[in-house]
Amino acid sequence: TMTPYNDTEHKSGSFVRIFSEDVDEMELHWHRDRNDRTFTVEAGVGWKFQIDDYLPMDLVQGKSYFIGKDIFHRLWRGTDQLKIRITER
């Protein structure tokens, strides 16, 4: 099965995930992760992040966001490529 992203630059405990600016919005579906995660935005304009029961928030380059294990969340596509570094606990 195809994923809407590519993972690269694996380091101990973290990796870089890249989403294309032309990813199909339908692929950016609600989901949850098995572990707590923190992600830091390295690049990307216009992308939004949404946690269940909250309005979408603009993703800001250089800022980190925490997602608790089993929390429903999703991304909303921006105008260029989104590059984030994900760290799992």
N, C-alpha and C. Protein backbone atom coordinates (compact mmCIF):
# COMPACT_ATOMS: atom_id res chain seq x y z
N THR A 1 0.85 -1.20 0.00
CA THR A 1 0.00 0.00 0.00
C THR A 1 0.89 1.26 0.00
N MET A 2 0.50 2.22 -0.80
CA MET A 2 1.26 3.48 -0.88
C MET A 2 0.96 4.34 0.34
N THR A 3 1.96 5.09 0.76
CA THR A 3 1.74 6.03 1.84
C THR A 3 1.83 7.44 1.27
N PRO A 4 1.20 8.42 1.94
CA PRO A 4 1.23 9.79 1.42
C PRO A 4 2.53 10.53 1.77
N TYR A 5 3.54 9.80 2.24
CA TYR A 5 4.79 10.44 2.68
C TYR A 5 5.97 9.53 2.40
N ASN A 6 7.17 10.10 2.54
CA ASN A 6 8.42 9.35 2.49
C ASN A 6 9.19 9.60 3.77
N ASP A 7 9.75 8.54 4.36
CA ASP A 7 10.57 8.68 5.55
C ASP A 7 12.04 8.59 5.16
N THR A 8 12.85 9.50 5.73
CA THR A 8 14.28 9.53 5.42
C THR A 8 15.06 9.90 6.68
N GLU A 9 16.36 9.97 6.54
CA GLU A 9 17.25 10.50 7.60
C GLU A 9 16.99 9.89 8.97
N HIS A 10 16.97 8.57 9.03
CA HIS A 10 16.75 7.92 10.32
C HIS A 10 17.95 8.13 11.23
N LYS A 11 17.68 8.61 12.43
CA LYS A 11 18.70 8.72 13.47
C LYS A 11 18.13 7.98 14.67
N SER A 12 18.92 7.84 15.70
CA SER A 12 18.40 7.08 16.84
C SER A 12 17.19 7.80 17.42
N GLY A 13 16.05 7.15 17.37
CA GLY A 13 14.84 7.69 17.97
C GLY A 13 14.09 8.71 17.15
N SER A 14 14.62 9.10 15.98
CA SER A 14 13.88 10.07 15.17
C SER A 14 14.09 9.83 13.68
N PHE A 15 13.19 10.40 12.90
CA PHE A 15 13.29 10.29 11.45
C PHE A 15 12.61 11.50 10.82
N VAL A 16 12.94 11.75 9.56
CA VAL A 16 12.34 12.86 8.83
C VAL A 16 11.25 12.28 7.92
N ARG A 17 10.09 12.94 7.92
CA ARG A 17 8.97 12.53 7.08
C ARG A 17 8.63 13.69 6.16
N ILE A 18 8.48 13.39 4.87
CA ILE A 18 8.19 14.41 3.87
C ILE A 18 6.87 14.10 3.19
N PHE A 19 5.98 15.12 3.17
CA PHE A 19 4.71 15.04 2.47
C PHE A 19 4.79 15.97 1.27
N SER A 20 4.37 15.47 0.11
CA SER A 20 4.38 16.26 -1.12
C SER A 20 3.26 17.30 -1.10
N GLU A 21 3.50 18.42 -1.78
CA GLU A 21 2.47 19.46 -1.87
C GLU A 21 1.27 19.01 -2.70
N ASP A 22 1.43 17.94 -3.49
CA ASP A 22 0.30 17.47 -4.29
C ASP A 22 -0.28 16.15 -3.77
N VAL A 23 -0.02 15.84 -2.49
CA VAL A 23 -0.61 14.64 -1.89
C VAL A 23 -2.13 14.77 -1.95
N ASP A 24 -2.81 13.66 -2.22
CA ASP A 24 -4.27 13.64 -2.26
C ASP A 24 -4.80 13.88 -0.84
N GLU A 25 -5.68 14.88 -0.69
CA GLU A 25 -6.25 15.19 0.63
C GLU A 25 -6.89 13.95 1.28
N MET A 26 -7.42 13.06 0.45
CA MET A 26 -8.07 11.86 0.99
C MET A 26 -7.08 10.94 1.71
N GLU A 27 -5.80 11.06 1.37
CA GLU A 27 -4.78 10.23 2.01
C GLU A 27 -4.37 10.79 3.38
N LEU A 28 -4.72 12.05 3.63
CA LEU A 28 -4.38 12.67 4.92
C LEU A 28 -5.57 12.48 5.87
N HIS A 29 -5.83 11.22 6.19
CA HIS A 29 -7.02 10.88 6.95
C HIS A 29 -6.76 10.88 8.47
N TRP A 30 -7.86 10.86 9.21
CA TRP A 30 -7.78 10.74 10.66
C TRP A 30 -7.12 9.41 11.02
N HIS A 31 -6.21 9.45 11.97
CA HIS A 31 -5.55 8.22 12.41
C HIS A 31 -4.99 8.45 13.81
N ARG A 32 -4.49 7.39 14.40
CA ARG A 32 -3.79 7.51 15.68
C ARG A 32 -2.52 6.69 15.64
N ASP A 33 -1.57 7.05 16.49
CA ASP A 33 -0.27 6.39 16.53
C ASP A 33 -0.18 5.50 17.77
N ARG A 34 0.68 4.51 17.69
CA ARG A 34 0.83 3.56 18.80
C ARG A 34 1.71 4.10 19.93
N ASN A 35 2.47 5.16 19.64
CA ASN A 35 3.38 5.72 20.64
C ASN A 35 3.19 7.23 20.74
N ASP A 36 3.62 7.80 21.87
CA ASP A 36 3.69 9.26 21.98
C ASP A 36 4.69 9.75 20.94
N ARG A 37 4.41 10.87 20.32
CA ARG A 37 5.29 11.44 19.31
C ARG A 37 5.39 12.94 19.49
N THR A 38 6.56 13.45 19.17
CA THR A 38 6.75 14.89 19.03
C THR A 38 7.26 15.10 17.62
N PHE A 39 6.70 16.10 16.93
CA PHE A 39 7.25 16.40 15.60
C PHE A 39 7.58 17.87 15.51
N THR A 40 8.67 18.15 14.82
CA THR A 40 9.14 19.52 14.61
C THR A 40 9.06 19.82 13.13
N VAL A 41 8.49 20.97 12.80
CA VAL A 41 8.33 21.38 11.41
C VAL A 41 9.66 21.96 10.91
N GLU A 42 10.25 21.30 9.92
CA GLU A 42 11.51 21.79 9.33
C GLU A 42 11.24 22.66 8.10
N ALA A 43 10.15 22.39 7.38
CA ALA A 43 9.78 23.19 6.21
C ALA A 43 8.33 22.92 5.88
N GLY A 44 7.69 23.90 5.24
CA GLY A 44 6.30 23.71 4.82
C GLY A 44 5.49 24.97 5.06
N VAL A 45 4.70 25.35 4.05
CA VAL A 45 3.87 26.56 4.12
C VAL A 45 2.40 26.17 3.96
N GLY A 46 1.56 26.69 4.84
CA GLY A 46 0.12 26.52 4.71
C GLY A 46 -0.43 25.22 5.26
N TRP A 47 0.41 24.36 5.79
CA TRP A 47 -0.05 23.09 6.34
C TRP A 47 -0.73 23.32 7.68
N LYS A 48 -1.71 22.47 7.99
CA LYS A 48 -2.39 22.55 9.28
C LYS A 48 -2.39 21.18 9.94
N PHE A 49 -2.46 21.20 11.26
CA PHE A 49 -2.50 19.99 12.08
C PHE A 49 -3.76 20.06 12.92
N GLN A 50 -4.49 18.95 12.98
CA GLN A 50 -5.73 18.95 13.75
C GLN A 50 -5.79 17.74 14.66
N ILE A 51 -6.15 17.99 15.92
CA ILE A 51 -6.39 16.94 16.91
C ILE A 51 -7.89 16.85 17.10
N ASP A 52 -8.40 15.64 17.28
CA ASP A 52 -9.82 15.41 17.46
C ASP A 52 -10.42 16.39 18.46
N ASP A 53 -11.59 16.95 18.13
CA ASP A 53 -12.34 17.90 18.96
C ASP A 53 -11.72 19.30 19.02
N TYR A 54 -10.69 19.57 18.21
CA TYR A 54 -10.08 20.90 18.15
C TYR A 54 -10.08 21.39 16.71
N LEU A 55 -10.05 22.71 16.55
CA LEU A 55 -9.93 23.28 15.21
C LEU A 55 -8.52 23.06 14.67
N PRO A 56 -8.35 23.01 13.34
CA PRO A 56 -7.00 22.88 12.78
C PRO A 56 -6.13 24.07 13.17
N MET A 57 -4.84 23.80 13.40
CA MET A 57 -3.90 24.89 13.73
C MET A 57 -2.82 24.96 12.66
N ASP A 58 -2.37 26.17 12.37
CA ASP A 58 -1.31 26.35 11.39
C ASP A 58 -0.02 25.74 11.92
N LEU A 59 0.67 25.00 11.08
CA LEU A 59 1.99 24.48 11.45
C LEU A 59 3.02 25.57 11.21
N VAL A 60 3.88 25.79 12.19
CA VAL A 60 4.88 26.87 12.14
C VAL A 60 6.27 26.26 12.06
N GLN A 61 7.04 26.71 11.08
CA GLN A 61 8.40 26.20 10.90
C GLN A 61 9.21 26.45 12.16
N GLY A 62 9.92 25.40 12.62
CA GLY A 62 10.75 25.50 13.82
C GLY A 62 10.03 25.14 15.10
N LYS A 63 8.71 25.04 15.05
CA LYS A 63 7.92 24.74 16.25
C LYS A 63 7.72 23.23 16.37
N SER A 64 7.61 22.75 17.62
CA SER A 64 7.38 21.33 17.89
C SER A 64 5.96 21.13 18.41
N TYR A 65 5.40 19.97 18.07
CA TYR A 65 4.04 19.62 18.44
C TYR A 65 4.05 18.22 19.04
N PHE A 66 3.26 18.03 20.09
CA PHE A 66 3.18 16.74 20.77
C PHE A 66 1.86 16.05 20.40
N ILE A 67 1.94 14.76 20.12
CA ILE A 67 0.75 13.94 19.86
C ILE A 67 0.81 12.76 20.83
N GLY A 68 -0.15 12.69 21.71
CA GLY A 68 -0.20 11.56 22.64
C GLY A 68 -0.63 10.28 21.95
N LYS A 69 -0.14 9.17 22.44
CA LYS A 69 -0.51 7.85 21.95
C LYS A 69 -2.03 7.72 21.88
N ASP A 70 -2.53 7.14 20.79
CA ASP A 70 -3.96 6.86 20.60
C ASP A 70 -4.86 8.08 20.46
N ILE A 71 -4.28 9.27 20.24
CA ILE A 71 -5.07 10.48 20.02
C ILE A 71 -5.34 10.63 18.52
N PHE A 72 -6.62 10.73 18.13
CA PHE A 72 -6.95 10.92 16.72
C PHE A 72 -6.44 12.27 16.24
N HIS A 73 -5.81 12.28 15.07
CA HIS A 73 -5.28 13.53 14.51
C HIS A 73 -5.13 13.39 13.00
N ARG A 74 -4.92 14.53 12.33
CA ARG A 74 -4.71 14.52 10.88
C ARG A 74 -3.99 15.78 10.44
N LEU A 75 -3.50 15.76 9.21
CA LEU A 75 -2.90 16.92 8.58
C LEU A 75 -3.83 17.46 7.51
N TRP A 76 -3.71 18.76 7.23
CA TRP A 76 -4.39 19.41 6.12
C TRP A 76 -3.30 19.95 5.20
N ARG A 77 -3.43 19.67 3.92
CA ARG A 77 -2.40 20.00 2.94
C ARG A 77 -2.14 21.50 2.82
N GLY A 78 -0.84 21.82 2.65
CA GLY A 78 -0.42 23.19 2.43
C GLY A 78 -0.09 23.44 0.97
N THR A 79 0.71 24.48 0.74
CA THR A 79 0.99 24.89 -0.64
C THR A 79 2.35 24.42 -1.14
N ASP A 80 3.17 23.85 -0.26
CA ASP A 80 4.43 23.29 -0.71
C ASP A 80 4.72 22.03 0.11
N GLN A 81 5.90 21.46 -0.07
CA GLN A 81 6.27 20.23 0.61
C GLN A 81 6.38 20.44 2.11
N LEU A 82 5.86 19.50 2.89
CA LEU A 82 5.99 19.54 4.35
C LEU A 82 7.09 18.57 4.77
N LYS A 83 8.02 19.08 5.57
CA LYS A 83 9.12 18.25 6.08
C LYS A 83 9.10 18.35 7.60
N ILE A 84 8.92 17.21 8.27
CA ILE A 84 8.89 17.20 9.73
C ILE A 84 9.86 16.16 10.26
N ARG A 85 10.42 16.42 11.44
CA ARG A 85 11.25 15.44 12.14
C ARG A 85 10.40 14.88 13.27
N ILE A 86 10.23 13.55 13.26
CA ILE A 86 9.40 12.87 14.25
C ILE A 86 10.28 12.14 15.25
N THR A 87 9.98 12.33 16.53
CA THR A 87 10.65 11.61 17.60
C THR A 87 9.61 10.82 18.36
N GLU A 88 9.82 9.53 18.52
CA GLU A 88 8.88 8.67 19.26
C GLU A 88 9.45 8.31 20.62
N ARG A 89 8.53 8.11 21.56
CA ARG A 89 8.93 7.68 22.89
C ARG A 89 8.38 6.31 23.18
